[in-house]
Amino acid sequence: MAISTHVLDAVSGKPAVGVGVRLQVKADTGWAESASARTDADGRIRDLPAPPSPGTARLIFDTAGYLGEQTFYPEVIITFSVRDDQQNLHVPLLLSPYAYSTYRGS
């Protein structure tokens, strides 16, 4: 199983290149860093390693690093459930300086 994401800049209508993304997994003692990467030229990260078992995970997007320090949301955290450790998950992010949206992709 792998986790992927796609970040689209809603203002320019283009992929958000170079956005830092961290994957964390919820453990008994809190959140544990699992992986990190940057979006590619197409705004994608294709293969973050999935948690080893079902549970709760989150992606943390460094939006200030991409949009600048004046953005209203300096980071976006998307928390989601991993129910089937054999299924790939796609978590897209549509981003602008004053809004964002996400959905469960395929």
Protein backbone atom coordinates (compact mmCIF):
# COMPACT_ATOMS: atom_id res chain seq x y z
CA MET A 1 0.00 0.00 0.00
CA ALA A 2 1.11 3.56 -0.70
CA ILE A 3 -0.22 7.04 -0.07
CA SER A 4 -0.15 9.64 -2.83
CA THR A 5 -1.13 13.28 -3.07
CA HIS A 6 -1.59 15.95 -5.73
CA VAL A 7 -1.46 19.67 -4.88
CA LEU A 8 -3.09 22.09 -7.31
CA ASP A 9 -2.65 25.87 -7.03
CA ALA A 10 -6.20 27.21 -7.46
CA VAL A 11 -5.00 30.74 -8.25
CA SER A 12 -2.73 29.83 -11.14
CA GLY A 13 -4.59 26.68 -12.15
CA LYS A 14 -1.25 24.85 -12.25
CA PRO A 15 0.38 22.12 -10.18
CA ALA A 16 1.97 23.34 -6.94
CA VAL A 17 5.63 22.41 -7.43
CA GLY A 18 7.98 21.89 -4.47
CA VAL A 19 5.43 21.78 -1.64
CA GLY A 20 6.90 20.04 1.38
CA VAL A 21 4.70 17.25 2.74
CA ARG A 22 5.19 15.15 5.86
CA LEU A 23 3.36 11.93 6.67
CA GLN A 24 2.71 11.17 10.32
CA VAL A 25 1.11 8.12 11.92
CA LYS A 26 -0.76 8.20 15.21
CA ALA A 27 0.89 6.04 17.85
CA ASP A 28 0.14 5.39 21.51
CA THR A 29 2.54 8.17 22.52
CA GLY A 30 1.37 10.75 19.95
CA TRP A 31 2.25 11.40 16.31
CA ALA A 32 5.28 9.71 14.76
CA GLU A 33 6.97 11.02 11.61
CA SER A 34 6.78 8.34 8.93
CA ALA A 35 8.02 10.00 5.72
CA SER A 36 8.50 13.33 3.97
CA ALA A 37 8.81 14.49 0.36
CA ARG A 38 8.22 17.44 -1.98
CA THR A 39 5.74 17.63 -4.81
CA ASP A 40 7.24 17.08 -8.26
CA ALA A 41 6.82 19.13 -11.47
CA ASP A 42 3.26 17.80 -11.75
CA GLY A 43 2.43 18.74 -8.14
CA ARG A 44 2.44 15.08 -7.10
CA ILE A 45 3.98 12.77 -4.58
CA ARG A 46 3.29 9.26 -5.79
CA ASP A 47 4.66 6.87 -3.21
CA LEU A 48 4.73 7.79 0.46
CA PRO A 49 5.02 4.56 2.46
CA ALA A 50 1.75 3.63 4.11
CA PRO A 51 1.40 2.86 7.80
CA PRO A 52 2.16 -0.79 8.57
CA SER A 53 -1.34 -1.39 9.95
CA PRO A 54 -4.77 0.26 9.95
CA GLY A 55 -5.09 3.40 12.06
CA THR A 56 -4.98 7.17 11.79
CA ALA A 57 -2.51 9.13 9.68
CA ARG A 58 -2.09 12.70 8.56
CA LEU A 59 -0.41 14.67 5.82
CA ILE A 60 1.08 18.05 6.78
CA PHE A 61 1.52 20.42 3.84
CA ASP A 62 4.00 23.32 4.20
CA THR A 63 1.81 25.86 2.46
CA ALA A 64 3.78 28.86 3.78
CA GLY A 65 6.87 27.46 2.10
CA TYR A 66 4.98 27.48 -1.19
CA LEU A 67 2.63 30.50 -0.91
CA GLY A 68 4.80 32.68 1.33
CA GLU A 69 4.60 33.68 4.97
CA GLN A 70 1.62 36.00 4.41
CA THR A 71 -0.72 33.13 3.54
CA PHE A 72 -3.64 32.71 5.93
CA TYR A 73 -2.99 28.97 6.32
CA PRO A 74 0.77 28.45 6.89
CA GLU A 75 0.20 24.71 6.93
CA VAL A 76 -2.63 22.39 6.06
CA ILE A 77 -3.09 19.20 8.04
CA ILE A 78 -5.32 16.49 6.59
CA THR A 79 -6.03 13.68 9.03
CA PHE A 80 -7.54 10.48 7.66
CA SER A 81 -8.28 6.86 8.56
CA VAL A 82 -6.34 3.97 7.10
CA ARG A 83 -8.81 1.10 7.24
CA ASP A 84 -7.32 -1.34 4.74
CA ASP A 85 -3.54 -1.63 4.77
CA GLN A 86 -3.64 -3.25 1.31
CA GLN A 87 -5.41 -0.37 -0.47
CA ASN A 88 -3.62 2.63 -1.99
CA LEU A 89 -4.87 6.03 -0.79
CA HIS A 90 -4.86 9.30 -2.75
CA VAL A 91 -5.33 12.56 -0.81
CA PRO A 92 -5.47 15.61 -3.14
CA LEU A 93 -5.25 19.24 -2.01
CA LEU A 94 -6.65 22.26 -3.89
CA LEU A 95 -4.82 25.28 -2.50
CA SER A 96 -5.09 29.09 -2.51
CA PRO A 97 -3.87 31.76 -0.05
CA TYR A 98 -7.24 31.99 1.73
CA ALA A 99 -8.88 28.60 1.17
CA TYR A 100 -8.21 24.94 0.61
CA SER A 101 -10.23 21.81 -0.08
CA THR A 102 -9.58 18.11 -0.21
CA TYR A 103 -11.38 14.86 -0.94
CA ARG A 104 -10.62 11.17 -1.06
CA GLY A 105 -9.21 10.58 -4.51
CA SER A 106 -8.77 7.36 -6.39
